[in-house]
């Protein structure tokens, strides 16, 4: 089994595998190209976004200052807005639904490193997927950790470190992020 397949399936994998390194290099070249474009070069930016990510819906907008690990493992729905300085470590699949607003300086991590020192020295990693539902709002400066699901219509307050999943319609914030209002009926 290739290291890429292991990585996507959440198994331990060799981080410095040649194929994985090459994918990261190619993605970073495209991201650098995106970040160098003018704000007025919307068609060029849109075209590059479609080469960086696995799937991209319609009306997807990124502000500049993005950093992306793989890109190919990420799916973006329709009507997605991602503000300045976005960081995405998408070793495992990342799904971003429709009508999602992501504030500035948001970071999404799927990558994990072992607690075992010997495994870390061998550059072994693993990853867990992140799923962001439809109609989600993530405030500026949030960090979304591996394995988290943000349910449809939830809101995550600025500066939150999201270590656990947030149910549909809930409002959550803090470090660690906690639910402050639960709406079992979901989004309005």
Protein backbone atom coordinates (compact mmCIF):
# COMPACT_ATOMS: atom_id res chain seq x y z
CA UNK A 1 0.00 0.00 0.00
CA UNK A 2 1.31 3.45 -0.94
CA UNK A 3 2.02 5.96 1.84
CA UNK A 4 -0.58 8.28 0.26
CA UNK A 5 -3.26 5.60 0.69
CA UNK A 6 -2.19 4.96 4.29
CA UNK A 7 -2.32 8.68 5.05
CA UNK A 8 -5.81 9.16 3.61
CA UNK A 9 -7.12 6.07 5.43
CA UNK A 10 -5.88 7.31 8.81
CA UNK A 11 -3.10 4.72 9.13
CA UNK A 12 0.44 5.45 10.24
CA UNK A 13 2.49 6.65 7.27
CA UNK A 14 5.97 7.90 6.44
CA UNK A 15 5.69 11.70 6.30
CA UNK A 16 8.79 12.12 4.13
CA UNK A 17 7.76 9.60 1.48
CA UNK A 18 8.92 10.83 -1.95
CA UNK A 19 5.43 10.83 -3.49
CA UNK A 20 3.94 12.77 -0.57
CA UNK A 21 6.79 15.28 -0.67
CA UNK A 22 6.24 15.85 -4.38
CA UNK A 23 2.49 16.43 -3.90
CA UNK A 24 3.24 18.96 -1.16
CA UNK A 25 5.81 20.74 -3.37
CA UNK A 26 3.38 20.97 -6.29
CA UNK A 27 0.60 22.24 -4.04
CA UNK A 28 2.84 24.84 -2.41
CA UNK A 29 3.97 26.08 -5.82
CA UNK A 30 0.33 26.62 -6.82
CA UNK A 31 -0.48 28.26 -3.47
CA UNK A 32 2.49 30.62 -3.88
CA UNK A 33 1.18 31.47 -7.35
CA UNK A 34 -2.30 32.14 -5.90
CA UNK A 35 -0.89 34.33 -3.13
CA UNK A 36 1.04 36.40 -5.70
CA UNK A 37 -2.10 37.30 -7.69
CA UNK A 38 -3.82 40.66 -7.36
CA UNK A 39 -7.20 40.83 -5.65
CA UNK A 40 -8.59 41.94 -9.03
CA UNK A 41 -7.43 38.74 -10.75
CA UNK A 42 -10.53 36.81 -9.71
CA UNK A 43 -10.73 34.52 -12.78
CA UNK A 44 -7.08 33.50 -12.38
CA UNK A 45 -7.56 32.93 -8.64
CA UNK A 46 -10.64 30.78 -9.28
CA UNK A 47 -8.79 28.71 -11.89
CA UNK A 48 -5.89 28.07 -9.49
CA UNK A 49 -8.21 27.11 -6.63
CA UNK A 50 -9.71 24.47 -8.90
CA UNK A 51 -6.25 22.95 -9.48
CA UNK A 52 -5.29 23.02 -5.79
CA UNK A 53 -8.32 21.31 -4.24
CA UNK A 54 -9.96 17.95 -4.91
CA UNK A 55 -13.42 19.38 -5.61
CA UNK A 56 -14.61 22.98 -5.70
CA UNK A 57 -18.23 24.14 -5.95
CA UNK A 58 -19.47 27.41 -7.37
CA UNK A 59 -18.94 30.85 -5.85
CA UNK A 60 -15.92 29.86 -3.73
CA UNK A 61 -13.75 32.78 -2.60
CA UNK A 62 -10.40 32.77 -0.82
CA UNK A 63 -8.61 35.86 0.38
CA UNK A 64 -4.86 35.79 0.01
CA UNK A 65 -2.46 34.42 2.50
CA UNK A 66 -3.37 30.74 2.33
CA UNK A 67 -1.11 27.82 3.26
CA UNK A 68 -2.21 24.37 2.11
CA UNK A 69 -0.53 21.01 2.76
CA UNK A 70 -2.01 18.72 0.05
CA UNK A 71 -5.20 20.30 -1.30
CA UNK A 72 -6.23 17.16 -3.16
CA UNK A 73 -7.83 15.78 0.01
CA UNK A 74 -10.22 18.73 0.38
CA UNK A 75 -13.74 19.21 -0.97
CA UNK A 76 -15.36 22.66 -1.00
CA UNK A 77 -19.09 23.16 -1.48
CA UNK A 78 -20.93 26.12 -3.02
CA UNK A 79 -20.91 29.67 -1.63
CA UNK A 80 -17.81 29.29 0.53
CA UNK A 81 -15.91 32.34 1.78
CA UNK A 82 -12.51 31.90 3.41
CA UNK A 83 -10.86 35.02 4.80
CA UNK A 84 -7.18 36.02 5.09
CA UNK A 85 -4.36 33.73 6.31
CA UNK A 86 -6.05 30.35 6.06
CA UNK A 87 -3.98 27.27 7.02
CA UNK A 88 -5.08 23.78 5.99
CA UNK A 89 -3.18 20.59 6.86
CA UNK A 90 -5.32 18.16 4.90
CA UNK A 91 -3.47 14.86 5.25
CA UNK A 92 -6.87 13.22 5.78
CA UNK A 93 -10.04 14.24 3.92
CA UNK A 94 -11.49 17.66 4.72
CA UNK A 95 -15.05 18.42 3.68
CA UNK A 96 -16.36 21.98 3.73
CA UNK A 97 -20.08 22.21 2.98
CA UNK A 98 -22.23 24.84 1.29
CA UNK A 99 -22.70 28.40 2.55
CA UNK A 100 -19.70 28.26 4.89
CA UNK A 101 -17.98 31.39 6.20
CA UNK A 102 -14.48 31.02 7.64
CA UNK A 103 -12.92 34.02 9.36
CA UNK A 104 -9.33 35.24 9.12
CA UNK A 105 -6.44 33.27 10.60
CA UNK A 106 -8.40 30.00 10.83
CA UNK A 107 -6.38 26.79 10.88
CA UNK A 108 -7.70 23.30 10.13
CA UNK A 109 -5.49 20.37 11.10
CA UNK A 110 -5.97 16.71 10.21
CA UNK A 111 -2.31 15.83 10.86
CA UNK A 112 -1.25 14.08 14.04
CA UNK A 113 2.12 13.02 15.35
CA UNK A 114 2.73 10.09 17.69
CA UNK A 115 3.39 10.52 21.39
CA UNK A 116 6.07 7.84 21.08
CA UNK A 117 9.41 9.63 20.67
CA UNK A 118 10.98 6.87 18.57
CA UNK A 119 8.11 7.00 16.05
CA UNK A 120 8.39 10.80 15.86
CA UNK A 121 12.11 10.45 15.16
CA UNK A 122 11.21 8.14 12.26
CA UNK A 123 8.83 10.84 10.88
CA UNK A 124 5.73 8.69 11.24
CA UNK A 125 2.41 10.50 11.13
CA UNK A 126 -1.29 9.79 11.03
CA UNK A 127 -4.37 11.85 10.29
CA UNK A 128 -8.09 12.07 11.03
CA UNK A 129 -10.66 13.73 8.77
CA UNK A 130 -12.41 17.04 9.47
CA UNK A 131 -15.96 17.69 8.30
CA UNK A 132 -17.64 21.09 8.21
CA UNK A 133 -21.35 20.99 7.46
CA UNK A 134 -23.56 23.40 5.56
CA UNK A 135 -24.27 26.95 6.79
CA UNK A 136 -21.39 26.93 9.30
CA UNK A 137 -19.68 30.09 10.52
CA UNK A 138 -16.18 29.82 11.98
CA UNK A 139 -14.92 32.99 13.66
CA UNK A 140 -11.43 34.42 13.20
CA UNK A 141 -8.43 32.77 14.80
CA UNK A 142 -10.06 29.37 15.36
CA UNK A 143 -8.11 26.13 15.29
CA UNK A 144 -10.00 23.00 14.25
CA UNK A 145 -8.23 19.80 15.39
CA UNK A 146 -8.15 16.32 13.78
CA UNK A 147 -11.32 14.24 13.85
CA UNK A 148 -13.71 17.16 14.44
CA UNK A 149 -17.11 17.46 12.77
CA UNK A 150 -18.94 20.80 12.77
CA UNK A 151 -22.64 20.12 12.27
CA UNK A 152 -24.91 22.00 9.89
CA UNK A 153 -25.70 25.53 10.96
CA UNK A 154 -23.34 25.68 13.92
CA UNK A 155 -21.30 28.76 14.87
CA UNK A 156 -17.82 28.63 16.37
CA UNK A 157 -16.74 31.80 18.18
CA UNK A 158 -13.51 33.63 17.38
CA UNK A 159 -10.33 32.29 18.95
CA UNK A 160 -11.75 28.87 19.75
CA UNK A 161 -9.65 25.71 19.82
CA UNK A 162 -12.07 23.02 18.67
CA UNK A 163 -11.01 19.67 20.12
CA UNK A 164 -14.41 17.91 19.89
CA UNK A 165 -17.27 17.87 17.43
CA UNK A 166 -19.97 20.56 17.58
CA UNK A 167 -23.58 19.46 16.88
CA UNK A 168 -25.85 21.03 14.28
CA UNK A 169 -27.21 24.44 15.19
CA UNK A 170 -25.03 24.85 18.29
CA UNK A 171 -23.01 27.90 19.24
CA UNK A 172 -19.62 27.02 20.72
CA UNK A 173 -16.53 28.95 21.77
CA UNK A 174 -13.48 28.95 24.00
CA UNK A 175 -10.27 27.08 24.60
CA UNK A 176 -11.09 24.28 24.68
CA UNK A 177 -14.22 25.00 22.67
CA UNK A 178 -17.45 24.30 24.56
CA UNK A 179 -21.09 24.49 23.56
CA UNK A 180 -22.73 27.62 24.98
CA UNK A 181 -26.05 27.24 23.18
CA UNK A 182 -27.41 23.99 21.82
CA UNK A 183 -30.15 24.10 19.21
CA UNK A 184 -31.27 20.52 18.72
CA UNK A 185 -33.42 21.60 15.77
CA UNK A 186 -30.38 22.74 13.79
CA UNK A 187 -30.05 25.86 11.72
CA UNK A 188 -32.93 28.27 11.21
